[in-house]
C-alpha atoms as a PDB file:
ATOM      1  CA  MET A   1      10.600  -1.170  -8.756  1.00  0.00           C
ATOM      2  CA  CYS A   2       7.288  -0.290  -7.104  1.00  0.00           C
ATOM      3  CA  ARG A   3       5.710  -1.652  -3.922  1.00  0.00           C
ATOM      4  CA  PHE A   4       2.078  -2.698  -3.553  1.00  0.00           C
ATOM      5  CA  LEU A   5      -0.435  -4.550  -1.419  1.00  0.00           C
ATOM      6  CA  ALA A   6      -3.864  -6.112  -1.857  1.00  0.00           C
ATOM      7  CA  TYR A   7      -6.384  -6.944   0.868  1.00  0.00           C
ATOM      8  CA  GLN A   8      -9.399  -9.250   0.808  1.00  0.00           C
ATOM      9  CA  GLY A   9     -11.532 -10.198   3.803  1.00  0.00           C
ATOM     10  CA  ALA A  10     -13.770  -8.712   6.453  1.00  0.00           C
ATOM     11  CA  PRO A  11     -14.277  -4.981   5.828  1.00  0.00           C
ATOM     12  CA  VAL A  12     -11.578  -2.929   7.549  1.00  0.00           C
ATOM     13  CA  LEU A  13     -10.494   0.687   7.568  1.00  0.00           C
ATOM     14  CA  LEU A  14      -7.721   1.129   5.019  1.00  0.00           C
ATOM     15  CA  ASP A  15      -5.358   2.676   7.539  1.00  0.00           C
ATOM     16  CA  SER A  16      -5.143  -0.625   9.476  1.00  0.00           C
ATOM     17  CA  VAL A  17      -3.171  -2.072   6.548  1.00  0.00           C
ATOM     18  CA  VAL A  18      -1.939   0.847   4.413  1.00  0.00           C
ATOM     19  CA  THR A  19      -0.595   3.351   6.959  1.00  0.00           C
ATOM     20  CA  GLN A  20      -0.523   2.024  10.539  1.00  0.00           C
ATOM     21  CA  PRO A  21       1.702  -1.137  10.503  1.00  0.00           C
ATOM     22  CA  CYS A  22       5.393  -0.722  11.333  1.00  0.00           C
ATOM     23  CA  HIS A  23       6.464  -1.500   7.746  1.00  0.00           C
ATOM     24  CA  SER A  24       3.345  -0.139   6.061  1.00  0.00           C
ATOM     25  CA  LEU A  25       3.193   0.744   2.396  1.00  0.00           C
ATOM     26  CA  VAL A  26       3.674   4.417   3.304  1.00  0.00           C
ATOM     27  CA  HIS A  27       6.808   3.424   5.233  1.00  0.00           C
ATOM     28  CA  GLN A  28       7.964   1.396   2.218  1.00  0.00           C
ATOM     29  CA  SER A  29       7.587   4.448   0.003  1.00  0.00           C
ATOM     30  CA  LEU A  30      10.685   5.776   1.780  1.00  0.00           C
ATOM     31  CA  HIS A  31      12.289   2.657   3.243  1.00  0.00           C
ATOM     32  CA  ALA A  32      11.636  -0.361   1.028  1.00  0.00           C
ATOM     33  CA  GLU A  33      13.891  -3.253   2.019  1.00  0.00           C
ATOM     34  CA  GLU A  34      13.470  -5.706  -0.869  1.00  0.00           C
ATOM     35  CA  ALA A  35      13.561  -3.421  -3.902  1.00  0.00           C
ATOM     36  CA  LYS A  36      16.377  -2.085  -6.073  1.00  0.00           C
ATOM     37  CA  VAL A  37      16.021   1.316  -4.434  1.00  0.00           C
ATOM     38  CA  PRO A  38      14.496   2.147  -1.032  1.00  0.00           C
ATOM     39  CA  THR A  39      12.473   5.134  -2.268  1.00  0.00           C
ATOM     40  CA  ASN A  40       9.195   4.857  -4.189  1.00  0.00           C
ATOM     41  CA  GLY A  41       8.214   8.494  -4.503  1.00  0.00           C
ATOM     42  CA  ASP A  42       6.825   8.851  -8.037  1.00  0.00           C
ATOM     43  CA  GLY A  43       3.185   8.926  -7.019  1.00  0.00           C
ATOM     44  CA  PHE A  44       0.816   6.479  -5.362  1.00  0.00           C
ATOM     45  CA  GLY A  45      -2.704   5.167  -5.631  1.00  0.00           C
ATOM     46  CA  LEU A  46      -5.557   3.475  -3.814  1.00  0.00           C
ATOM     47  CA  GLY A  47      -8.412   1.465  -5.281  1.00  0.00           C
ATOM     48  CA  TRP A  48     -11.253   0.042  -3.197  1.00  0.00           C
ATOM     49  CA  TYR A  49     -14.676  -1.560  -3.530  1.00  0.00           C
ATOM     50  CA  GLY A  50     -17.636  -0.215  -1.606  1.00  0.00           C
ATOM     51  CA  GLU A  51     -21.312   0.248  -2.449  1.00  0.00           C
ATOM     52  CA  ARG A  52     -20.896   0.079  -6.220  1.00  0.00           C
ATOM     53  CA  GLU A  53     -19.627  -2.553  -8.629  1.00  0.00           C
ATOM     54  CA  GLU A  54     -16.870  -0.266  -9.889  1.00  0.00           C
ATOM     55  CA  PRO A  55     -13.931   0.519  -7.599  1.00  0.00           C
ATOM     56  CA  GLY A  56     -13.189   3.949  -6.219  1.00  0.00           C
ATOM     57  CA  LEU A  57      -9.772   5.374  -7.099  1.00  0.00           C
ATOM     58  CA  TYR A  58      -7.500   7.943  -5.501  1.00  0.00           C
ATOM     59  CA  ARG A  59      -4.231   8.564  -7.344  1.00  0.00           C
ATOM     60  CA  GLU A  60      -1.779  11.360  -6.692  1.00  0.00           C
ATOM     61  CA  LEU A  61       1.595  12.620  -7.956  1.00  0.00           C
ATOM     62  CA  ARG A  62       2.964  13.511  -4.542  1.00  0.00           C
ATOM     63  CA  PRO A  63       4.952  10.905  -2.618  1.00  0.00           C
ATOM     64  CA  ALA A  64       2.785   8.828  -0.309  1.00  0.00           C
ATOM     65  CA  TRP A  65       4.720   9.942   2.776  1.00  0.00           C
ATOM     66  CA  SER A  66       3.858  13.621   2.206  1.00  0.00           C
ATOM     67  CA  ASP A  67       0.150  13.483   1.369  1.00  0.00           C
ATOM     68  CA  GLU A  68      -2.094  14.297   4.318  1.00  0.00           C
ATOM     69  CA  ASN A  69      -5.174  13.524   2.193  1.00  0.00           C
ATOM     70  CA  LEU A  70      -4.035   9.909   1.946  1.00  0.00           C
ATOM     71  CA  LEU A  71      -3.895   9.610   5.731  1.00  0.00           C
ATOM     72  CA  SER A  72      -7.343  11.171   6.123  1.00  0.00           C
ATOM     73  CA  LEU A  73      -8.887   8.998   3.419  1.00  0.00           C
ATOM     74  CA  CYS A  74      -7.444   5.789   4.880  1.00  0.00           C
ATOM     75  CA  ARG A  75      -8.835   6.692   8.316  1.00  0.00           C
ATOM     76  CA  GLN A  76     -12.372   6.990   6.910  1.00  0.00           C
ATOM     77  CA  VAL A  77     -12.776   4.389   4.127  1.00  0.00           C
ATOM     78  CA  ARG A  78     -13.759   0.824   5.058  1.00  0.00           C
ATOM     79  CA  SER A  79     -13.623  -1.905   2.408  1.00  0.00           C
ATOM     80  CA  PRO A  80     -13.535  -5.701   2.051  1.00  0.00           C
ATOM     81  CA  LEU A  81     -11.180  -5.552  -0.944  1.00  0.00           C
ATOM     82  CA  PHE A  82      -8.655  -2.888  -1.825  1.00  0.00           C
ATOM     83  CA  PHE A  83      -5.361  -2.251  -3.633  1.00  0.00           C
ATOM     84  CA  ALA A  84      -2.611   0.219  -2.713  1.00  0.00           C
ATOM     85  CA  HIS A  85       0.518   1.052  -4.727  1.00  0.00           C
ATOM     86  CA  VAL A  86       3.567   3.324  -4.417  1.00  0.00           C
ATOM     87  CA  ARG A  87       5.414   3.980  -7.651  1.00  0.00           C
ATOM     88  CA  ALA A  88       9.057   4.063  -8.661  1.00  0.00           C
ATOM     89  CA  ALA A  89       8.999   5.119 -12.314  1.00  0.00           C
ATOM     90  CA  THR A  90      10.954   3.117 -14.894  1.00  0.00           C
ATOM     91  CA  GLY A  91      11.394   5.617 -17.703  1.00  0.00           C
ATOM     92  CA  THR A  92       7.899   7.089 -18.022  1.00  0.00           C
ATOM     93  CA  ALA A  93       6.571  10.405 -16.778  1.00  0.00           C
ATOM     94  CA  THR A  94       5.371  11.081 -13.254  1.00  0.00           C
ATOM     95  CA  THR A  95       1.743  11.874 -14.024  1.00  0.00           C
ATOM     96  CA  ARG A  96      -1.537  10.936 -12.377  1.00  0.00           C
ATOM     97  CA  ALA A  97      -2.491   8.845 -15.420  1.00  0.00           C
ATOM     98  CA  ASN A  98       0.637   6.747 -14.895  1.00  0.00           C
ATOM     99  CA  CYS A  99      -0.115   5.969 -11.242  1.00  0.00           C
ATOM    100  CA  HIS A 100      -1.539   2.599 -10.261  1.00  0.00           C
ATOM    101  CA  PRO A 101      -3.983   0.994  -9.810  1.00  0.00           C
ATOM    102  CA  PHE A 102      -5.734   1.132 -13.169  1.00  0.00           C
ATOM    103  CA  ALA A 103      -9.455   0.432 -13.466  1.00  0.00           C
ATOM    104  CA  HIS A 104     -11.943  -0.368 -16.220  1.00  0.00           C
ATOM    105  CA  GLY A 105     -15.525  -1.199 -15.330  1.00  0.00           C
ATOM    106  CA  ARG A 106     -15.452  -3.520 -12.346  1.00  0.00           C
ATOM    107  CA  TRP A 107     -11.840  -4.602 -13.025  1.00  0.00           C
ATOM    108  CA  MET A 108      -8.738  -3.222 -11.318  1.00  0.00           C
ATOM    109  CA  PHE A 109      -5.024  -3.920 -11.880  1.00  0.00           C
ATOM    110  CA  MET A 110      -1.613  -2.942 -10.515  1.00  0.00           C
ATOM    111  CA  HIS A 111       1.886  -4.007 -11.484  1.00  0.00           C
ATOM    112  CA  ASN A 112       5.441  -4.102 -10.191  1.00  0.00           C
ATOM    113  CA  GLY A 113       7.947  -4.852 -12.931  1.00  0.00           C
ATOM    114  CA  GLN A 114       8.720  -3.960 -16.513  1.00  0.00           C
ATOM    115  CA  ILE A 115       8.478  -4.894 -20.156  1.00  0.00           C
ATOM    116  CA  GLY A 116      12.137  -5.003 -21.114  1.00  0.00           C
ATOM    117  CA  ASP A 117      13.141  -2.463 -23.779  1.00  0.00           C
ATOM    118  CA  PHE A 118       9.560  -1.216 -23.812  1.00  0.00           C
ATOM    119  CA  ALA A 119      10.287   1.456 -26.417  1.00  0.00           C
ATOM    120  CA  LEU A 120      11.073  -1.287 -28.937  1.00  0.00           C
ATOM    121  CA  VAL A 121       7.762  -3.117 -28.487  1.00  0.00           C
ATOM    122  CA  ARG A 122       5.325  -0.402 -27.462  1.00  0.00           C
ATOM    123  CA  ARG A 123       3.983   0.236 -30.958  1.00  0.00           C
ATOM    124  CA  PRO A 124       3.225  -3.397 -31.922  1.00  0.00           C
ATOM    125  CA  LEU A 125       1.689  -4.086 -28.516  1.00  0.00           C
ATOM    126  CA  GLU A 126      -0.522  -0.997 -28.675  1.00  0.00           C
ATOM    127  CA  ALA A 127      -1.556  -2.091 -32.178  1.00  0.00           C
ATOM    128  CA  ALA A 128      -2.873  -5.312 -30.641  1.00  0.00           C
ATOM    129  CA  LEU A 129      -5.487  -3.363 -28.651  1.00  0.00           C
ATOM    130  CA  PRO A 130      -9.062  -3.092 -29.948  1.00  0.00           C
ATOM    131  CA  ASP A 131      -9.900   0.461 -30.968  1.00  0.00           C
ATOM    132  CA  ALA A 132     -12.173   1.096 -27.975  1.00  0.00           C
ATOM    133  CA  LEU A 133      -9.525   0.082 -25.453  1.00  0.00           C
ATOM    134  CA  TYR A 134      -6.772   1.932 -27.321  1.00  0.00           C
ATOM    135  CA  ALA A 135      -8.878   5.100 -27.041  1.00  0.00           C
ATOM    136  CA  MET A 136      -9.045   4.557 -23.261  1.00  0.00           C
ATOM    137  CA  ARG A 137      -5.275   4.546 -22.863  1.00  0.00           C
ATOM    138  CA  ALA A 138      -4.673   7.637 -20.729  1.00  0.00           C
ATOM    139  CA  GLY A 139      -1.021   7.193 -19.732  1.00  0.00           C
ATOM    140  CA  THR A 140       2.251   5.994 -21.179  1.00  0.00           C
ATOM    141  CA  THR A 141       3.261   3.078 -18.935  1.00  0.00           C
ATOM    142  CA  ASP A 142       3.821  -0.508 -19.921  1.00  0.00           C
ATOM    143  CA  SER A 143       1.668  -1.450 -16.897  1.00  0.00           C
ATOM    144  CA  GLU A 144      -1.470   0.262 -18.190  1.00  0.00           C
ATOM    145  CA  LEU A 145      -0.901  -1.310 -21.599  1.00  0.00           C
ATOM    146  CA  VAL A 146      -0.637  -4.783 -20.048  1.00  0.00           C
ATOM    147  CA  PHE A 147      -3.911  -4.200 -18.209  1.00  0.00           C
ATOM    148  CA  LEU A 148      -5.724  -3.130 -21.369  1.00  0.00           C
ATOM    149  CA  LEU A 149      -4.359  -6.148 -23.280  1.00  0.00           C
ATOM    150  CA  ILE A 150      -5.686  -8.402 -20.506  1.00  0.00           C
ATOM    151  CA  GLN A 151      -8.971  -6.497 -20.530  1.00  0.00           C
ATOM    152  CA  ALA A 152      -9.376  -7.167 -24.257  1.00  0.00           C
ATOM    153  CA  ARG A 153      -9.170 -10.892 -23.618  1.00  0.00           C
ATOM    154  CA  LEU A 154     -11.517 -10.721 -20.649  1.00  0.00           C
ATOM    155  CA  GLU A 155     -14.081  -8.958 -22.818  1.00  0.00           C
ATOM    156  CA  ALA A 156     -13.624 -11.691 -25.432  1.00  0.00           C
ATOM    157  CA  GLY A 157     -14.614 -14.286 -22.848  1.00  0.00           C
ATOM    158  CA  GLN A 158     -11.281 -15.590 -21.589  1.00  0.00           C
ATOM    159  CA  ALA A 159     -10.845 -16.387 -17.902  1.00  0.00           C
ATOM    160  CA  PRO A 160      -8.401 -14.138 -15.980  1.00  0.00           C
ATOM    161  CA  LEU A 161      -5.596 -16.711 -15.730  1.00  0.00           C
ATOM    162  CA  ALA A 162      -5.846 -17.620 -19.409  1.00  0.00           C
ATOM    163  CA  ALA A 163      -6.056 -13.956 -20.420  1.00  0.00           C
ATOM    164  CA  THR A 164      -2.947 -13.061 -18.428  1.00  0.00           C
ATOM    165  CA  ARG A 165      -1.000 -16.027 -19.751  1.00  0.00           C
ATOM    166  CA  ALA A 166      -1.933 -15.084 -23.327  1.00  0.00           C
ATOM    167  CA  VAL A 167      -0.779 -11.493 -22.811  1.00  0.00           C
ATOM    168  CA  LEU A 168       2.554 -12.588 -21.324  1.00  0.00           C
ATOM    169  CA  ALA A 169       3.129 -14.856 -24.319  1.00  0.00           C
ATOM    170  CA  LEU A 170       2.251 -11.989 -26.681  1.00  0.00           C
ATOM    171  CA  ILE A 171       4.695  -9.666 -24.934  1.00  0.00           C
ATOM    172  CA  ARG A 172       7.530 -12.187 -25.007  1.00  0.00           C
ATOM    173  CA  ALA A 173       6.943 -12.826 -28.715  1.00  0.00           C
ATOM    174  CA  ALA A 174       7.114  -9.079 -29.411  1.00  0.00           C
ATOM    175  CA  MET A 175      10.279  -8.773 -27.308  1.00  0.00           C
ATOM    176  CA  ALA A 176      11.901 -11.665 -29.165  1.00  0.00           C
ATOM    177  CA  GLN A 177      10.949 -10.126 -32.511  1.00  0.00           C
ATOM    178  CA  ALA A 178      12.515  -6.818 -31.438  1.00  0.00           C
ATOM    179  CA  ARG A 179      15.564  -8.588 -29.962  1.00  0.00           C
ATOM    180  CA  ALA A 180      14.972  -6.928 -26.621  1.00  0.00           C
ATOM    181  CA  ARG A 181      17.785  -7.473 -24.125  1.00  0.00           C
ATOM    182  CA  GLU A 182      16.134  -6.280 -20.936  1.00  0.00           C
ATOM    183  CA  PRO A 183      13.989  -8.831 -19.043  1.00  0.00           C
ATOM    184  CA  LEU A 184      10.239  -9.081 -18.688  1.00  0.00           C
ATOM    185  CA  ARG A 185       9.355  -8.885 -14.994  1.00  0.00           C
ATOM    186  CA  PHE A 186       5.760  -9.320 -13.933  1.00  0.00           C
ATOM    187  CA  THR A 187       4.530  -9.210 -10.365  1.00  0.00           C
ATOM    188  CA  ALA A 188       0.949  -8.001 -10.557  1.00  0.00           C
ATOM    189  CA  ALA A 189      -2.563  -8.207  -9.127  1.00  0.00           C
ATOM    190  CA  LEU A 190      -5.902  -8.247 -10.953  1.00  0.00           C
ATOM    191  CA  THR A 191      -9.393  -8.247  -9.442  1.00  0.00           C
ATOM    192  CA  ASP A 192     -13.058  -8.086 -10.394  1.00  0.00           C
ATOM    193  CA  GLY A 193     -14.055  -6.995  -6.888  1.00  0.00           C
ATOM    194  CA  GLU A 194     -14.664 -10.565  -5.722  1.00  0.00           C
ATOM    195  CA  THR A 195     -11.564 -12.616  -6.567  1.00  0.00           C
ATOM    196  CA  ILE A 196      -7.930 -11.492  -6.696  1.00  0.00           C
ATOM    197  CA  TRP A 197      -5.513 -13.065  -9.156  1.00  0.00           C
ATOM    198  CA  ALA A 198      -1.861 -12.258  -8.409  1.00  0.00           C
ATOM    199  CA  PHE A 199       1.233 -13.262 -10.367  1.00  0.00           C
ATOM    200  CA  ARG A 200       4.972 -13.505  -9.807  1.00  0.00           C
ATOM    201  CA  THR A 201       7.115 -14.380 -12.818  1.00  0.00           C
ATOM    202  CA  ALA A 202      10.009 -13.068 -14.930  1.00  0.00           C
ATOM    203  CA  SER A 203      12.141 -13.978 -17.912  1.00  0.00           C
ATOM    204  CA  ASP A 204      15.224 -13.832 -15.685  1.00  0.00           C
ATOM    205  CA  ALA A 205      15.876 -15.025 -12.149  1.00  0.00           C
ATOM    206  CA  HIS A 206      14.736 -11.797 -10.501  1.00  0.00           C
ATOM    207  CA  PRO A 207      10.955 -11.339 -10.409  1.00  0.00           C
ATOM    208  CA  PRO A 208       9.879  -8.606  -7.989  1.00  0.00           C
ATOM    209  CA  THR A 209       9.024  -9.958  -4.562  1.00  0.00           C
ATOM    210  CA  LEU A 210       5.527 -10.969  -3.461  1.00  0.00           C
ATOM    211  CA  TYR A 211       4.297 -12.325  -0.129  1.00  0.00           C
ATOM    212  CA  VAL A 212       0.964 -13.682   1.086  1.00  0.00           C
ATOM    213  CA  CYS A 213      -0.343 -13.644   4.660  1.00  0.00           C
ATOM    214  CA  GLU A 214      -3.500 -15.537   5.691  1.00  0.00           C
ATOM    215  CA  ARG A 215      -5.192 -14.446   8.894  1.00  0.00           C
ATOM    216  CA  PRO A 216      -8.598 -15.207  10.415  1.00  0.00           C
ATOM    217  CA  GLY A 217     -11.066 -13.466   8.142  1.00  0.00           C
ATOM    218  CA  ALA A 218      -8.518 -11.818   5.844  1.00  0.00           C
ATOM    219  CA  THR A 219      -5.696 -12.370   3.345  1.00  0.00           C
ATOM    220  CA  ILE A 220      -3.049  -9.792   2.422  1.00  0.00           C
ATOM    221  CA  LEU A 221      -0.720  -9.820  -0.565  1.00  0.00           C
ATOM    222  CA  ALA A 222       2.254  -7.465  -0.408  1.00  0.00           C
ATOM    223  CA  SER A 223       5.577  -6.737  -2.053  1.00  0.00           C
ATOM    224  CA  GLU A 224       7.083  -6.836   1.436  1.00  0.00           C
ATOM    225  CA  PRO A 225       5.596  -7.921   4.781  1.00  0.00           C
ATOM    226  CA  VAL A 226       3.916  -4.871   6.272  1.00  0.00           C
ATOM    227  CA  ASP A 227       4.323  -5.847   9.935  1.00  0.00           C
ATOM    228  CA  GLY A 228       6.506  -7.860  12.284  1.00  0.00           C
ATOM    229  CA  LEU A 229       4.388 -11.039  12.202  1.00  0.00           C
ATOM    230  CA  ARG A 230       6.904 -12.800   9.988  1.00  0.00           C
ATOM    231  CA  ASP A 231       5.565 -16.321  10.685  1.00  0.00           C
ATOM    232  CA  CYS A 232       2.417 -15.326   8.794  1.00  0.00           C
ATOM    233  CA  TRP A 233       4.118 -14.187   5.607  1.00  0.00           C
ATOM    234  CA  ARG A 234       5.009 -16.696   2.871  1.00  0.00           C
ATOM    235  CA  SER A 235       7.041 -15.786  -0.182  1.00  0.00           C
ATOM    236  CA  VAL A 236       5.216 -16.569  -3.415  1.00  0.00           C
ATOM    237  CA  PRO A 237       7.470 -18.800  -5.550  1.00  0.00           C
ATOM    238  CA  ARG A 238       8.707 -17.690  -8.951  1.00  0.00           C
ATOM    239  CA  HIS A 239       6.401 -18.580 -11.876  1.00  0.00           C
ATOM    240  CA  THR A 240       3.329 -18.800  -9.642  1.00  0.00           C
ATOM    241  CA  ALA A 241      -0.188 -17.388  -9.699  1.00  0.00           C
ATOM    242  CA  VAL A 242      -2.092 -16.868  -6.444  1.00  0.00           C
ATOM    243  CA  ILE A 243      -5.891 -16.873  -6.457  1.00  0.00           C
ATOM    244  CA  LEU A 244      -7.684 -15.294  -3.482  1.00  0.00           C
ATOM    245  CA  THR A 245     -11.366 -16.105  -3.027  1.00  0.00           C
ATOM    246  CA  ARG A 246     -13.679 -15.916  -0.061  1.00  0.00           C
ATOM    247  CA  GLY A 247     -13.038 -19.635   0.357  1.00  0.00           C
ATOM    248  CA  GLY A 248      -9.265 -19.326   0.717  1.00  0.00           C
ATOM    249  CA  VAL A 249      -5.985 -19.115  -1.176  1.00  0.00           C
ATOM    250  CA  ARG A 250      -4.904 -21.293  -4.091  1.00  0.00           C
ATOM    251  CA  PHE A 251      -1.512 -21.439  -5.821  1.00  0.00           C
ATOM    252  CA  GLU A 252      -1.229 -22.267  -9.528  1.00  0.00           C
ATOM    253  CA  PRO A 253       2.036 -22.870 -11.401  1.00  0.00           C
ATOM    254  CA  MET A 254       2.660 -20.678 -14.429  1.00  0.00           C
ATOM    255  CA  GLU A 255       4.499 -21.981 -17.462  1.00  0.00           C
ATOM    256  CA  GLU A 256       8.048 -20.637 -17.516  1.00  0.00           C
ATOM    257  CA  SER A 257       7.875 -20.800 -21.325  1.00  0.00           C
ATOM    258  CA  LEU A 258       5.448 -17.854 -21.274  1.00  0.00           C
ATOM    259  CA  VAL A 259       8.211 -15.476 -20.277  1.00  0.00           C
ATOM    260  CA  ALA A 260      11.412 -17.387 -21.080  1.00  0.00           C
ATOM    261  CA  ALA A 261      13.898 -15.841 -23.465  1.00  0.00           C
END
């Protein structure tokens, strides 16, 4: 599984969260403690909001621990909202197009998890995309496909929570139709540059980990705590959505039936 983090708050240099802490995301790319494997070396990505509505992206095939450009970029870029992700591939190619985060317009998305037996359901799920969004599909991951399915519902006027819930229900229905045996696991983050919606759910008892840390002027979401201030970090419960706004953090229960077998 992958590792990721999301930051919202007072503008900070990216390195203060992404590279400098003792258990930073770069450290986790080699030494993850709460994942199936400790190494997440199949590419990485950054996405941040600055002077424009659309996020900037930097995605690379090299492992995060070996890219000097990542260190330089994080030392120079300051942002009030950013995503960072290190990838451990689950059966798809190591290409730049498959690295997270994914962006479309002002929206950005990253994912840690899987659509179980994806090969069995990929075709019907891709068929559910509108033509314009299908033409935008640049990679081969289940994560990008999930994002585009959510995007289709956002463009149709659905709110982010409702859109995500609808997509999870669609995926589970396709998995049931295909008699998929592997689980659906969905720990993810979605943002429009103002609000962050994060999710932790699965069709089995093992959703990928997610923590939230509220500090004066900032909130961080992460697959694993990035520093030693453990009293700050709270584990997000299973079947829960977390909404980060400038006004604070809100937890929303998600229906287990959306992902249940």
